Amino acid sequence: TQPNEKGRKDGEPEQPEQKVDTTDKSAKTAKTD
């Protein structure tokens, strides 16, 4: 290729914040760990 200037998107999106069901301690522990 000649126009050497294509294709890069280096940045990645921020990871979504983890949501935890506070009524289920086991699930909370699993997700926290």
Full PDB file with SEQRES, HELIX, SHEET, SSBOND, CRYST1, ORIGX, SCALE, CONECT and MASTER records, all heavy atoms in Angstrom:
SEQRES   1 A   33  THR GLN PRO ASN GLU LYS GLY ARG LYS ASP GLY GLU PRO          
SEQRES   2 A   33  GLU GLN PRO GLU GLN LYS VAL ASP THR THR ASP LYS SER          
SEQRES   3 A   33  ALA LYS THR ALA LYS THR ASP                                  
HELIX    1 AA1 LYS A   25  THR A   32  1                                   8    
CRYST1    1.000    1.000    1.000  90.00  90.00  90.00 P 1           1          
ORIGX1      1.000000  0.000000  0.000000        0.00000                         
ORIGX2      0.000000  1.000000  0.000000        0.00000                         
ORIGX3      0.000000  0.000000  1.000000        0.00000                         
SCALE1      1.000000  0.000000  0.000000        0.00000                         
SCALE2      0.000000  1.000000  0.000000        0.00000                         
SCALE3      0.000000  0.000000  1.000000        0.00000                         
ATOM      1  N   THR A   1       0.746  -1.186   0.000  1.00  0.00           N  
ATOM      2  CA  THR A   1       0.000   0.000   0.000  1.00  0.00           C  
ATOM      3  C   THR A   1       0.767   1.219   0.000  1.00  0.00           C  
ATOM      4  O   THR A   1       1.815   1.269   0.473  1.00  0.00           O  
ATOM      5  CB  THR A   1      -0.879   0.119   1.167  1.00  0.00           C  
ATOM      6  OG1 THR A   1      -0.691   1.210   1.634  1.00  0.00           O  
ATOM      7  CG2 THR A   1      -0.758  -0.836   2.069  1.00  0.00           C  
ATOM      8  N   GLN A   2       0.210   2.216  -0.597  1.00  0.00           N  
ATOM      9  CA  GLN A   2       0.855   3.472  -0.681  1.00  0.00           C  
ATOM     10  C   GLN A   2       0.420   4.416   0.334  1.00  0.00           C  
ATOM     11  O   GLN A   2       1.170   4.968   1.019  1.00  0.00           O  
ATOM     12  CB  GLN A   2       0.596   4.077  -2.002  1.00  0.00           C  
ATOM     13  CG  GLN A   2       1.661   3.875  -2.716  1.00  0.00           C  
ATOM     14  CD  GLN A   2       2.466   4.659  -3.410  1.00  0.00           C  
ATOM     15  OE1 GLN A   2       2.470   4.467  -4.417  1.00  0.00           O  
ATOM     16  NE2 GLN A   2       3.234   5.465  -2.976  1.00  0.00           N  
ATOM     17  N   PRO A   3      -0.734   4.758   0.348  1.00  0.00           N  
ATOM     18  CA  PRO A   3      -1.129   5.644   1.391  1.00  0.00           C  
ATOM     19  C   PRO A   3      -0.969   4.904   2.609  1.00  0.00           C  
ATOM     20  O   PRO A   3      -1.775   4.138   2.941  1.00  0.00           O  
ATOM     21  CB  PRO A   3      -2.533   5.956   1.113  1.00  0.00           C  
ATOM     22  CG  PRO A   3      -2.706   5.556  -0.244  1.00  0.00           C  
ATOM     23  CD  PRO A   3      -1.648   4.605  -0.598  1.00  0.00           C  
ATOM     24  N   ASN A   4       0.044   5.096   3.229  1.00  0.00           N  
ATOM     25  CA  ASN A   4       0.283   4.327   4.358  1.00  0.00           C  
ATOM     26  C   ASN A   4      -0.407   4.840   5.540  1.00  0.00           C  
ATOM     27  O   ASN A   4       0.140   5.106   6.502  1.00  0.00           O  
ATOM     28  CB  ASN A   4       1.729   4.335   4.675  1.00  0.00           C  
ATOM     29  CG  ASN A   4       2.147   5.671   5.000  1.00  0.00           C  
ATOM     30  OD1 ASN A   4       1.443   6.552   5.022  1.00  0.00           O  
ATOM     31  ND2 ASN A   4       3.274   5.867   5.307  1.00  0.00           N  
ATOM     32  N   GLU A   5      -1.542   5.037   5.565  1.00  0.00           N  
ATOM     33  CA  GLU A   5      -2.046   5.582   6.776  1.00  0.00           C  
ATOM     34  C   GLU A   5      -3.387   5.083   7.063  1.00  0.00           C  
ATOM     35  O   GLU A   5      -4.326   5.708   6.854  1.00  0.00           O  
ATOM     36  CB  GLU A   5      -2.102   7.024   6.698  1.00  0.00           C  
ATOM     37  CG  GLU A   5      -1.010   7.642   6.628  1.00  0.00           C  
ATOM     38  CD  GLU A   5       0.204   7.792   6.216  1.00  0.00           C  
ATOM     39  OE1 GLU A   5       0.504   7.905   5.207  1.00  0.00           O  
ATOM     40  OE2 GLU A   5       0.927   7.820   6.915  1.00  0.00           O  
ATOM     41  N   LYS A   6      -3.532   3.934   7.483  1.00  0.00           N  
ATOM     42  CA  LYS A   6      -4.844   3.481   7.735  1.00  0.00           C  
ATOM     43  C   LYS A   6      -4.964   2.591   8.888  1.00  0.00           C  
ATOM     44  O   LYS A   6      -4.096   1.918   9.218  1.00  0.00           O  
ATOM     45  CB  LYS A   6      -5.302   2.731   6.579  1.00  0.00           C  
ATOM     46  CG  LYS A   6      -6.697   2.374   6.848  1.00  0.00           C  
ATOM     47  CD  LYS A   6      -7.257   1.599   5.909  1.00  0.00           C  
ATOM     48  CE  LYS A   6      -8.657   1.404   6.170  1.00  0.00           C  
ATOM     49  NZ  LYS A   6      -9.359   0.725   5.393  1.00  0.00           N  
ATOM     50  N   GLY A   7      -6.035   2.479   9.395  1.00  0.00           N  
ATOM     51  CA  GLY A   7      -6.459   1.603  10.339  1.00  0.00           C  
ATOM     52  C   GLY A   7      -5.893   1.448  11.631  1.00  0.00           C  
ATOM     53  O   GLY A   7      -5.306   0.475  11.937  1.00  0.00           O  
ATOM     54  N   ARG A   8      -6.018   2.327  12.518  1.00  0.00           N  
ATOM     55  CA  ARG A   8      -5.657   1.952  13.843  1.00  0.00           C  
ATOM     56  C   ARG A   8      -6.481   2.614  14.843  1.00  0.00           C  
ATOM     57  O   ARG A   8      -6.533   3.788  14.865  1.00  0.00           O  
ATOM     58  CB  ARG A   8      -4.266   2.293  14.178  1.00  0.00           C  
ATOM     59  CG  ARG A   8      -3.823   3.595  14.115  1.00  0.00           C  
ATOM     60  CD  ARG A   8      -3.415   4.266  13.337  1.00  0.00           C  
ATOM     61  NE  ARG A   8      -2.384   5.091  13.243  1.00  0.00           N  
ATOM     62  CZ  ARG A   8      -2.054   5.516  12.133  1.00  0.00           C  
ATOM     63  NH1 ARG A   8      -2.603   5.103  11.207  1.00  0.00           N  
ATOM     64  NH2 ARG A   8      -1.127   6.316  11.982  1.00  0.00           N  
ATOM     65  N   LYS A   9      -7.078   1.929  15.630  1.00  0.00           N  
ATOM     66  CA  LYS A   9      -7.733   2.495  16.781  1.00  0.00           C  
ATOM     67  C   LYS A   9      -7.134   1.830  17.963  1.00  0.00           C  
ATOM     68  O   LYS A   9      -7.463   0.717  18.278  1.00  0.00           O  
ATOM     69  CB  LYS A   9      -9.208   2.269  16.714  1.00  0.00           C  
ATOM     70  CG  LYS A   9      -9.845   3.121  15.655  1.00  0.00           C  
ATOM     71  CD  LYS A   9     -11.287   3.180  15.780  1.00  0.00           C  
ATOM     72  CE  LYS A   9     -11.882   4.122  14.780  1.00  0.00           C  
ATOM     73  NZ  LYS A   9     -13.263   4.238  14.817  1.00  0.00           N  
ATOM     74  N   ASP A  10      -6.230   2.521  18.567  1.00  0.00           N  
ATOM     75  CA  ASP A  10      -5.506   1.910  19.663  1.00  0.00           C  
ATOM     76  C   ASP A  10      -6.248   1.952  20.968  1.00  0.00           C  
ATOM     77  O   ASP A  10      -6.124   1.092  21.795  1.00  0.00           O  
ATOM     78  CB  ASP A  10      -4.179   2.595  19.897  1.00  0.00           C  
ATOM     79  CG  ASP A  10      -3.332   2.536  18.686  1.00  0.00           C  
ATOM     80  OD1 ASP A  10      -3.676   1.864  17.764  1.00  0.00           O  
ATOM     81  OD2 ASP A  10      -2.362   3.151  18.666  1.00  0.00           O  
ATOM     82  N   GLY A  11      -6.971   3.042  21.217  1.00  0.00           N  
ATOM     83  CA  GLY A  11      -7.618   3.179  22.510  1.00  0.00           C  
ATOM     84  C   GLY A  11      -8.726   2.169  22.677  1.00  0.00           C  
ATOM     85  O   GLY A  11      -9.423   1.819  21.742  1.00  0.00           O  
ATOM     86  N   GLU A  12      -8.907   1.661  23.864  1.00  0.00           N  
ATOM     87  CA  GLU A  12      -9.982   0.725  24.142  1.00  0.00           C  
ATOM     88  C   GLU A  12     -10.980   1.374  25.082  1.00  0.00           C  
ATOM     89  O   GLU A  12     -10.628   2.239  25.884  1.00  0.00           O  
ATOM     90  CB  GLU A  12      -9.421  -0.540  24.773  1.00  0.00           C  
ATOM     91  CG  GLU A  12      -8.575  -1.333  23.819  1.00  0.00           C  
ATOM     92  CD  GLU A  12      -8.401  -2.746  24.258  1.00  0.00           C  
ATOM     93  OE1 GLU A  12      -8.901  -3.101  25.316  1.00  0.00           O  
ATOM     94  OE2 GLU A  12      -7.765  -3.480  23.543  1.00  0.00           O  
ATOM     95  N   PRO A  13     -12.253   0.980  24.980  1.00  0.00           N  
ATOM     96  CA  PRO A  13     -13.256   1.612  25.840  1.00  0.00           C  
ATOM     97  C   PRO A  13     -13.035   1.251  27.284  1.00  0.00           C  
ATOM     98  O   PRO A  13     -12.476   0.209  27.613  1.00  0.00           O  
ATOM     99  CB  PRO A  13     -14.567   1.004  25.326  1.00  0.00           C  
ATOM    100  CG  PRO A  13     -14.162  -0.282  24.684  1.00  0.00           C  
ATOM    101  CD  PRO A  13     -12.793  -0.031  24.114  1.00  0.00           C  
ATOM    102  N   GLU A  14     -13.454   2.134  28.154  1.00  0.00           N  
ATOM    103  CA  GLU A  14     -13.356   1.865  29.581  1.00  0.00           C  
ATOM    104  C   GLU A  14     -14.181   0.642  29.936  1.00  0.00           C  
ATOM    105  O   GLU A  14     -15.241   0.393  29.367  1.00  0.00           O  
ATOM    106  CB  GLU A  14     -13.873   3.072  30.376  1.00  0.00           C  
ATOM    107  CG  GLU A  14     -13.062   4.347  30.176  1.00  0.00           C  
ATOM    108  CD  GLU A  14     -11.742   4.284  30.881  1.00  0.00           C  
ATOM    109  OE1 GLU A  14     -11.626   3.429  31.776  1.00  0.00           O  
ATOM    110  OE2 GLU A  14     -10.849   5.053  30.546  1.00  0.00           O  
ATOM    111  N   GLN A  15     -13.685  -0.165  30.852  1.00  0.00           N  
ATOM    112  CA  GLN A  15     -14.431  -1.313  31.300  1.00  0.00           C  
ATOM    113  C   GLN A  15     -15.653  -0.864  32.090  1.00  0.00           C  
ATOM    114  O   GLN A  15     -15.573   0.031  32.931  1.00  0.00           O  
ATOM    115  CB  GLN A  15     -13.553  -2.211  32.185  1.00  0.00           C  
ATOM    116  CG  GLN A  15     -12.343  -2.787  31.456  1.00  0.00           C  
ATOM    117  CD  GLN A  15     -12.774  -3.721  30.358  1.00  0.00           C  
ATOM    118  OE1 GLN A  15     -13.745  -4.450  30.511  1.00  0.00           O  
ATOM    119  NE2 GLN A  15     -12.067  -3.701  29.249  1.00  0.00           N  
ATOM    120  N   PRO A  16     -16.831  -1.459  31.798  1.00  0.00           N  
ATOM    121  CA  PRO A  16     -18.024  -1.033  32.534  1.00  0.00           C  
ATOM    122  C   PRO A  16     -17.891  -1.381  34.006  1.00  0.00           C  
ATOM    123  O   PRO A  16     -17.269  -2.361  34.387  1.00  0.00           O  
ATOM    124  CB  PRO A  16     -19.138  -1.846  31.866  1.00  0.00           C  
ATOM    125  CG  PRO A  16     -18.440  -3.025  31.268  1.00  0.00           C  
ATOM    126  CD  PRO A  16     -17.099  -2.521  30.845  1.00  0.00           C  
ATOM    127  N   GLU A  17     -18.488  -0.530  34.826  1.00  0.00           N  
ATOM    128  CA  GLU A  17     -18.439  -0.758  36.269  1.00  0.00           C  
ATOM    129  C   GLU A  17     -19.212  -2.026  36.628  1.00  0.00           C  
ATOM    130  O   GLU A  17     -20.304  -2.283  36.135  1.00  0.00           O  
ATOM    131  CB  GLU A  17     -19.060   0.444  36.977  1.00  0.00           C  
ATOM    132  CG  GLU A  17     -18.995   0.331  38.482  1.00  0.00           C  
ATOM    133  CD  GLU A  17     -19.641   1.527  39.128  1.00  0.00           C  
ATOM    134  OE1 GLU A  17     -19.882   2.505  38.436  1.00  0.00           O  
ATOM    135  OE2 GLU A  17     -19.900   1.474  40.320  1.00  0.00           O  
ATOM    136  N   GLN A  18     -18.623  -2.874  37.465  1.00  0.00           N  
ATOM    137  CA  GLN A  18     -19.267  -4.107  37.890  1.00  0.00           C  
ATOM    138  C   GLN A  18     -20.448  -3.813  38.815  1.00  0.00           C  
ATOM    139  O   GLN A  18     -20.325  -3.086  39.782  1.00  0.00           O  
ATOM    140  CB  GLN A  18     -18.257  -4.998  38.635  1.00  0.00           C  
ATOM    141  CG  GLN A  18     -17.029  -5.355  37.833  1.00  0.00           C  
ATOM    142  CD  GLN A  18     -17.269  -6.492  36.897  1.00  0.00           C  
ATOM    143  OE1 GLN A  18     -18.346  -7.083  36.923  1.00  0.00           O  
ATOM    144  NE2 GLN A  18     -16.306  -6.816  36.074  1.00  0.00           N  
ATOM    145  N   LYS A  19     -21.614  -4.392  38.485  1.00  0.00           N  
ATOM    146  CA  LYS A  19     -22.775  -4.228  39.345  1.00  0.00           C  
ATOM    147  C   LYS A  19     -23.020  -5.515  40.108  1.00  0.00           C  
ATOM    148  O   LYS A  19     -23.006  -6.604  39.537  1.00  0.00           O  
ATOM    149  CB  LYS A  19     -24.003  -3.881  38.520  1.00  0.00           C  
ATOM    150  CG  LYS A  19     -23.920  -2.492  37.903  1.00  0.00           C  
ATOM    151  CD  LYS A  19     -25.213  -2.138  37.236  1.00  0.00           C  
ATOM    152  CE  LYS A  19     -25.118  -0.734  36.648  1.00  0.00           C  
ATOM    153  NZ  LYS A  19     -26.369  -0.335  35.989  1.00  0.00           N  
ATOM    154  N   VAL A  20     -23.243  -5.419  41.400  1.00  0.00           N  
ATOM    155  CA  VAL A  20     -23.383  -6.592  42.249  1.00  0.00           C  
ATOM    156  C   VAL A  20     -24.728  -6.573  42.976  1.00  0.00           C  
ATOM    157  O   VAL A  20     -25.152  -5.533  43.486  1.00  0.00           O  
ATOM    158  CB  VAL A  20     -22.238  -6.643  43.281  1.00  0.00           C  
ATOM    159  CG1 VAL A  20     -22.375  -7.862  44.143  1.00  0.00           C  
ATOM    160  CG2 VAL A  20     -20.888  -6.638  42.576  1.00  0.00           C  
ATOM    161  N   ASP A  21     -25.379  -7.706  43.005  1.00  0.00           N  
ATOM    162  CA  ASP A  21     -26.642  -7.831  43.740  1.00  0.00           C  
ATOM    163  C   ASP A  21     -26.334  -7.947  45.230  1.00  0.00           C  
ATOM    164  O   ASP A  21     -25.843  -8.965  45.707  1.00  0.00           O  
ATOM    165  CB  ASP A  21     -27.382  -9.086  43.259  1.00  0.00           C  
ATOM    166  CG  ASP A  21     -28.747  -9.223  43.919  1.00  0.00           C  
ATOM    167  OD1 ASP A  21     -29.053  -8.434  44.825  1.00  0.00           O  
ATOM    168  OD2 ASP A  21     -29.496 -10.122  43.525  1.00  0.00           O  
ATOM    169  N   THR A  22     -26.601  -6.897  45.944  1.00  0.00           N  
ATOM    170  CA  THR A  22     -26.254  -6.858  47.366  1.00  0.00           C  
ATOM    171  C   THR A  22     -27.060  -7.828  48.200  1.00  0.00           C  
ATOM    172  O   THR A  22     -26.722  -8.074  49.362  1.00  0.00           O  
ATOM    173  CB  THR A  22     -26.450  -5.442  47.924  1.00  0.00           C  
ATOM    174  OG1 THR A  22     -27.786  -5.031  47.662  1.00  0.00           O  
ATOM    175  CG2 THR A  22     -25.490  -4.471  47.233  1.00  0.00           C  
ATOM    176  N   THR A  23     -28.084  -8.416  47.651  1.00  0.00           N  
ATOM    177  CA  THR A  23     -28.887  -9.383  48.414  1.00  0.00           C  
ATOM    178  C   THR A  23     -28.290 -10.767  48.376  1.00  0.00           C  
ATOM    179  O   THR A  23     -28.712 -11.655  49.107  1.00  0.00           O  
ATOM    180  CB  THR A  23     -30.316  -9.447  47.854  1.00  0.00           C  
ATOM    181  OG1 THR A  23     -30.288  -9.929  46.508  1.00  0.00           O  
ATOM    182  CG2 THR A  23     -30.965  -8.065  47.864  1.00  0.00           C  
ATOM    183  N   ASP A  24     -27.325 -10.996  47.554  1.00  0.00           N  
ATOM    184  CA  ASP A  24     -26.698 -12.306  47.411  1.00  0.00           C  
ATOM    185  C   ASP A  24     -25.233 -12.193  47.748  1.00  0.00           C  
ATOM    186  O   ASP A  24     -24.433 -11.756  46.940  1.00  0.00           O  
ATOM    187  CB  ASP A  24     -26.897 -12.826  45.984  1.00  0.00           C  
ATOM    188  CG  ASP A  24     -26.445 -14.261  45.842  1.00  0.00           C  
ATOM    189  OD1 ASP A  24     -25.611 -14.702  46.542  1.00  0.00           O  
ATOM    190  OD2 ASP A  24     -26.880 -14.954  45.046  1.00  0.00           O  
ATOM    191  N   LYS A  25     -24.855 -12.579  48.947  1.00  0.00           N  
ATOM    192  CA  LYS A  25     -23.478 -12.407  49.397  1.00  0.00           C  
ATOM    193  C   LYS A  25     -22.518 -13.259  48.598  1.00  0.00           C  
ATOM    194  O   LYS A  25     -21.387 -12.867  48.342  1.00  0.00           O  
ATOM    195  CB  LYS A  25     -23.362 -12.749  50.885  1.00  0.00           C  
ATOM    196  CG  LYS A  25     -23.918 -11.665  51.760  1.00  0.00           C  
ATOM    197  CD  LYS A  25     -23.541 -11.912  53.192  1.00  0.00           C  
ATOM    198  CE  LYS A  25     -24.013 -10.779  54.082  1.00  0.00           C  
ATOM    199  NZ  LYS A  25     -23.633 -10.985  55.475  1.00  0.00           N  
ATOM    200  N   SER A  26     -22.956 -14.461  48.231  1.00  0.00           N  
ATOM    201  CA  SER A  26     -22.051 -15.328  47.480  1.00  0.00           C  
ATOM    202  C   SER A  26     -21.726 -14.724  46.128  1.00  0.00           C  
ATOM    203  O   SER A  26     -20.588 -14.756  45.669  1.00  0.00           O  
ATOM    204  CB  SER A  26     -22.678 -16.718  47.310  1.00  0.00           C  
ATOM    205  OG  SER A  26     -23.870 -16.635  46.535  1.00  0.00           O  
ATOM    206  N   ALA A  27     -22.763 -14.169  45.481  1.00  0.00           N  
ATOM    207  CA  ALA A  27     -22.520 -13.518  44.188  1.00  0.00           C  
ATOM    208  C   ALA A  27     -21.619 -12.324  44.364  1.00  0.00           C  
ATOM    209  O   ALA A  27     -20.734 -12.060  43.555  1.00  0.00           O  
ATOM    210  CB  ALA A  27     -23.858 -13.087  43.565  1.00  0.00           C  
ATOM    211  N   LYS A  28     -21.838 -11.581  45.465  1.00  0.00           N  
ATOM    212  CA  LYS A  28     -21.017 -10.417  45.727  1.00  0.00           C  
ATOM    213  C   LYS A  28     -19.578 -10.806  45.904  1.00  0.00           C  
ATOM    214  O   LYS A  28     -18.666 -10.187  45.367  1.00  0.00           O  
ATOM    215  CB  LYS A  28     -21.539  -9.692  46.962  1.00  0.00           C  
ATOM    216  CG  LYS A  28     -20.770  -8.417  47.271  1.00  0.00           C  
ATOM    217  CD  LYS A  28     -21.420  -7.696  48.427  1.00  0.00           C  
ATOM    218  CE  LYS A  28     -20.671  -6.400  48.712  1.00  0.00           C  
ATOM    219  NZ  LYS A  28     -21.289  -5.647  49.801  1.00  0.00           N  
ATOM    220  N   THR A  29     -19.360 -11.881  46.639  1.00  0.00           N  
ATOM    221  CA  THR A  29     -17.995 -12.325  46.876  1.00  0.00           C  
ATOM    222  C   THR A  29     -17.341 -12.759  45.580  1.00  0.00           C  
ATOM    223  O   THR A  29     -16.189 -12.422  45.305  1.00  0.00           O  
ATOM    224  CB  THR A  29     -17.986 -13.493  47.872  1.00  0.00           C  
ATOM    225  OG1 THR A  29     -18.602 -13.062  49.078  1.00  0.00           O  
ATOM    226  CG2 THR A  29     -16.571 -13.955  48.131  1.00  0.00           C  
ATOM    227  N   ALA A  30     -18.120 -13.509  44.783  1.00  0.00           N  
ATOM    228  CA  ALA A  30     -17.560 -14.009  43.534  1.00  0.00           C  
ATOM    229  C   ALA A  30     -17.158 -12.869  42.613  1.00  0.00           C  
ATOM    230  O   ALA A  30     -16.087 -12.886  42.021  1.00  0.00           O  
ATOM    231  CB  ALA A  30     -18.579 -14.906  42.829  1.00  0.00           C  
ATOM    232  N   LYS A  31     -18.018 -11.861  42.520  1.00  0.00           N  
ATOM    233  CA  LYS A  31     -17.713 -10.761  41.629  1.00  0.00           C  
ATOM    234  C   LYS A  31     -16.619  -9.873  42.180  1.00  0.00           C  
ATOM    235  O   LYS A  31     -15.832  -9.310  41.446  1.00  0.00           O  
ATOM    236  CB  LYS A  31     -18.979  -9.951  41.351  1.00  0.00           C  
ATOM    237  CG  LYS A  31     -19.970 -10.722  40.508  1.00  0.00           C  
ATOM    238  CD  LYS A  31     -21.106  -9.836  40.028  1.00  0.00           C  
ATOM    239  CE  LYS A  31     -22.065 -10.607  39.152  1.00  0.00           C  
ATOM    240  NZ  LYS A  31     -23.138  -9.778  38.608  1.00  0.00           N  
ATOM    241  N   THR A  32     -16.568  -9.759  43.491  1.00  0.00           N  
ATOM    242  CA  THR A  32     -15.538  -8.933  44.096  1.00  0.00           C  
ATOM    243  C   THR A  32     -14.170  -9.562  43.929  1.00  0.00           C  
ATOM    244  O   THR A  32     -13.174  -8.877  43.681  1.00  0.00           O  
ATOM    245  CB  THR A  32     -15.824  -8.727  45.584  1.00  0.00           C  
ATOM    246  OG1 THR A  32     -17.103  -8.122  45.727  1.00  0.00           O  
ATOM    247  CG2 THR A  32     -14.761  -7.844  46.199  1.00  0.00           C  
ATOM    248  N   ASP A  33     -14.110 -10.882  44.001  1.00  0.00           N  
ATOM    249  CA  ASP A  33     -12.831 -11.564  43.896  1.00  0.00           C  
ATOM    250  C   ASP A  33     -12.333 -11.673  42.467  1.00  0.00           C  
ATOM    251  O   ASP A  33     -11.163 -11.934  42.227  1.00  0.00           O  
ATOM    252  CB  ASP A  33     -12.945 -12.981  44.497  1.00  0.00           C  
ATOM    253  CG  ASP A  33     -13.169 -12.931  46.006  1.00  0.00           C  
ATOM    254  OD1 ASP A  33     -12.908 -11.907  46.602  1.00  0.00           O  
ATOM    255  OD2 ASP A  33     -13.614 -13.893  46.570  1.00  0.00           O  
TER     256      ASP A  33                                                      
MASTER        0    0    0    1    0    0    0    6  255    1    0    3          
END                                                                             
